[in-house]
Amino acid sequence: MNEPRPFAQLPSRLERLLTVQQLSDYLGVPVKTLYEWRTQKVGPRAVKVGRALRYPESHVIDWLEEQS
């Protein structure tokens, strides 16, 4: 049977998850804009972690590359 692995043994593919505020600061756009982009499906893809929105760095990078 699969037993839970200690955090130190999790796959190295885990990536940083940005909060809405962190992404807002990074992109220089208001938080409200990020929420509007999410409902219009035009911004970087977000994931839900519990009740919070998080933006995986890879989604942000992919989205930024698509914009150029």
N, C-alpha and C. Protein backbone atom coordinates (compact mmCIF):
# COMPACT_ATOMS: atom_id res chain seq x y z
N MET A 1 0.84 -1.17 0.00
CA MET A 1 0.00 0.00 0.00
C MET A 1 0.89 1.25 0.00
N ASN A 2 0.46 2.33 -0.64
CA ASN A 2 1.25 3.55 -0.69
C ASN A 2 1.15 4.32 0.61
N GLU A 3 2.32 4.57 1.20
CA GLU A 3 2.37 5.38 2.41
C GLU A 3 2.76 6.80 2.01
N PRO A 4 2.27 7.80 2.74
CA PRO A 4 2.64 9.17 2.42
C PRO A 4 4.15 9.35 2.55
N ARG A 5 4.73 10.09 1.60
CA ARG A 5 6.17 10.35 1.65
C ARG A 5 6.43 11.61 2.46
N PRO A 6 7.54 11.64 3.19
CA PRO A 6 7.91 12.88 3.88
C PRO A 6 8.12 14.00 2.86
N PHE A 7 7.91 15.23 3.28
CA PHE A 7 8.01 16.37 2.37
C PHE A 7 9.35 16.40 1.65
N ALA A 8 10.42 16.04 2.33
CA ALA A 8 11.76 16.08 1.72
C ALA A 8 11.88 15.12 0.54
N GLN A 9 11.01 14.14 0.45
CA GLN A 9 11.09 13.16 -0.63
C GLN A 9 10.08 13.41 -1.73
N LEU A 10 9.38 14.54 -1.70
CA LEU A 10 8.44 14.85 -2.76
C LEU A 10 9.20 15.10 -4.06
N PRO A 11 8.55 14.89 -5.19
CA PRO A 11 9.23 15.09 -6.47
C PRO A 11 9.75 16.51 -6.59
N SER A 12 10.87 16.67 -7.28
CA SER A 12 11.49 17.99 -7.41
C SER A 12 10.72 18.87 -8.39
N ARG A 13 9.69 18.36 -9.01
CA ARG A 13 8.94 19.15 -9.98
C ARG A 13 7.98 20.14 -9.33
N LEU A 14 7.93 20.16 -8.00
CA LEU A 14 7.10 21.16 -7.33
C LEU A 14 7.63 22.54 -7.67
N GLU A 15 6.74 23.45 -7.94
CA GLU A 15 7.17 24.79 -8.31
C GLU A 15 6.54 25.83 -7.41
N ARG A 16 7.09 26.99 -7.47
CA ARG A 16 6.60 28.10 -6.66
C ARG A 16 5.22 28.53 -7.13
N LEU A 17 4.36 28.80 -6.17
CA LEU A 17 3.02 29.28 -6.46
C LEU A 17 2.93 30.73 -6.01
N LEU A 18 2.60 31.62 -6.93
CA LEU A 18 2.50 33.04 -6.62
C LEU A 18 1.09 33.37 -6.13
N THR A 19 1.01 34.24 -5.14
CA THR A 19 -0.29 34.72 -4.71
C THR A 19 -0.77 35.76 -5.72
N VAL A 20 -2.03 36.13 -5.61
CA VAL A 20 -2.57 37.16 -6.49
C VAL A 20 -1.80 38.46 -6.29
N GLN A 21 -1.51 38.80 -5.04
CA GLN A 21 -0.78 40.04 -4.75
C GLN A 21 0.63 40.00 -5.33
N GLN A 22 1.32 38.87 -5.20
CA GLN A 22 2.67 38.75 -5.75
C GLN A 22 2.67 38.93 -7.26
N LEU A 23 1.70 38.30 -7.93
CA LEU A 23 1.62 38.43 -9.39
C LEU A 23 1.25 39.85 -9.78
N SER A 24 0.37 40.46 -9.03
CA SER A 24 -0.01 41.85 -9.27
C SER A 24 1.21 42.76 -9.20
N ASP A 25 2.00 42.58 -8.16
CA ASP A 25 3.22 43.38 -8.00
C ASP A 25 4.21 43.12 -9.13
N TYR A 26 4.38 41.87 -9.49
CA TYR A 26 5.33 41.49 -10.54
C TYR A 26 4.94 42.08 -11.90
N LEU A 27 3.67 41.96 -12.25
CA LEU A 27 3.21 42.44 -13.55
C LEU A 27 2.91 43.93 -13.56
N GLY A 28 2.76 44.52 -12.38
CA GLY A 28 2.44 45.94 -12.30
C GLY A 28 1.00 46.24 -12.71
N VAL A 29 0.11 45.30 -12.42
CA VAL A 29 -1.31 45.49 -12.71
C VAL A 29 -2.08 45.35 -11.40
N PRO A 30 -3.23 46.01 -11.30
CA PRO A 30 -4.03 45.88 -10.07
C PRO A 30 -4.55 44.45 -9.87
N VAL A 31 -4.74 44.10 -8.61
CA VAL A 31 -5.31 42.79 -8.26
C VAL A 31 -6.64 42.60 -8.98
N LYS A 32 -7.44 43.65 -9.01
CA LYS A 32 -8.75 43.58 -9.66
C LYS A 32 -8.62 43.13 -11.12
N THR A 33 -7.58 43.61 -11.80
CA THR A 33 -7.35 43.22 -13.20
C THR A 33 -7.11 41.72 -13.31
N LEU A 34 -6.34 41.16 -12.39
CA LEU A 34 -6.08 39.71 -12.43
C LEU A 34 -7.37 38.92 -12.27
N TYR A 35 -8.24 39.37 -11.37
CA TYR A 35 -9.52 38.68 -11.20
C TYR A 35 -10.40 38.82 -12.45
N GLU A 36 -10.36 39.98 -13.08
CA GLU A 36 -11.13 40.17 -14.32
C GLU A 36 -10.57 39.29 -15.43
N TRP A 37 -9.24 39.23 -15.55
CA TRP A 37 -8.62 38.36 -16.56
C TRP A 37 -9.03 36.92 -16.34
N ARG A 38 -9.09 36.51 -15.07
CA ARG A 38 -9.45 35.11 -14.77
C ARG A 38 -10.87 34.82 -15.26
N THR A 39 -11.80 35.71 -15.00
CA THR A 39 -13.18 35.46 -15.42
C THR A 39 -13.32 35.52 -16.94
N GLN A 40 -12.47 36.31 -17.60
CA GLN A 40 -12.49 36.43 -19.06
C GLN A 40 -11.59 35.39 -19.74
N LYS A 41 -10.84 34.63 -18.93
CA LYS A 41 -9.91 33.60 -19.42
C LYS A 41 -8.88 34.18 -20.39
N VAL A 42 -8.30 35.33 -20.02
CA VAL A 42 -7.29 35.94 -20.87
C VAL A 42 -5.92 36.05 -20.20
N GLY A 43 -5.83 35.86 -18.91
CA GLY A 43 -4.56 35.99 -18.20
C GLY A 43 -3.92 34.63 -17.97
N PRO A 44 -2.87 34.63 -17.15
CA PRO A 44 -2.23 33.35 -16.82
C PRO A 44 -3.20 32.44 -16.07
N ARG A 45 -3.08 31.15 -16.27
CA ARG A 45 -3.96 30.20 -15.60
C ARG A 45 -3.64 30.12 -14.11
N ALA A 46 -4.66 30.15 -13.31
CA ALA A 46 -4.52 30.04 -11.86
C ALA A 46 -5.05 28.68 -11.41
N VAL A 47 -4.64 28.28 -10.24
CA VAL A 47 -5.16 27.06 -9.63
C VAL A 47 -5.71 27.43 -8.26
N LYS A 48 -6.69 26.66 -7.82
CA LYS A 48 -7.25 26.87 -6.49
C LYS A 48 -6.51 25.97 -5.51
N VAL A 49 -6.09 26.55 -4.41
CA VAL A 49 -5.50 25.81 -3.30
C VAL A 49 -6.37 26.13 -2.10
N GLY A 50 -7.26 25.19 -1.81
CA GLY A 50 -8.28 25.48 -0.82
C GLY A 50 -9.20 26.55 -1.39
N ARG A 51 -9.30 27.68 -0.70
CA ARG A 51 -10.12 28.78 -1.20
C ARG A 51 -9.29 29.86 -1.89
N ALA A 52 -7.98 29.68 -1.89
CA ALA A 52 -7.09 30.71 -2.42
C ALA A 52 -6.68 30.43 -3.87
N LEU A 53 -6.49 31.50 -4.62
CA LEU A 53 -5.96 31.38 -5.98
C LEU A 53 -4.44 31.45 -5.93
N ARG A 54 -3.82 30.60 -6.70
CA ARG A 54 -2.36 30.63 -6.81
C ARG A 54 -2.00 30.50 -8.29
N TYR A 55 -0.90 31.11 -8.64
CA TYR A 55 -0.42 31.09 -10.02
C TYR A 55 0.91 30.36 -10.07
N PRO A 56 0.96 29.14 -10.64
CA PRO A 56 2.23 28.44 -10.79
C PRO A 56 3.15 29.26 -11.71
N GLU A 57 4.42 29.35 -11.33
CA GLU A 57 5.36 30.13 -12.12
C GLU A 57 5.38 29.72 -13.59
N SER A 58 5.26 28.42 -13.85
CA SER A 58 5.31 27.95 -15.25
C SER A 58 4.13 28.49 -16.05
N HIS A 59 2.96 28.63 -15.43
CA HIS A 59 1.81 29.19 -16.13
C HIS A 59 2.04 30.66 -16.47
N VAL A 60 2.64 31.37 -15.53
CA VAL A 60 2.93 32.79 -15.74
C VAL A 60 3.95 32.95 -16.86
N ILE A 61 5.01 32.16 -16.82
CA ILE A 61 6.05 32.23 -17.85
C ILE A 61 5.48 31.90 -19.22
N ASP A 62 4.70 30.83 -19.31
CA ASP A 62 4.07 30.46 -20.59
C ASP A 62 3.20 31.58 -21.12
N TRP A 63 2.39 32.17 -20.25
CA TRP A 63 1.49 33.24 -20.66
C TRP A 63 2.27 34.46 -21.14
N LEU A 64 3.33 34.80 -20.40
CA LEU A 64 4.14 35.95 -20.82
C LEU A 64 4.79 35.72 -22.18
N GLU A 65 5.26 34.50 -22.43
CA GLU A 65 5.87 34.19 -23.74
C GLU A 65 4.84 34.27 -24.87
N GLU A 66 3.61 33.90 -24.57
CA GLU A 66 2.54 33.99 -25.59
C GLU A 66 2.21 35.44 -25.95
N GLN A 67 2.49 36.37 -25.02
CA GLN A 67 2.14 37.78 -25.23
C GLN A 67 3.11 38.49 -26.16
N SER A 68 4.29 37.91 -26.37
CA SER A 68 5.27 38.60 -27.22
C SER A 68 5.19 38.17 -28.67
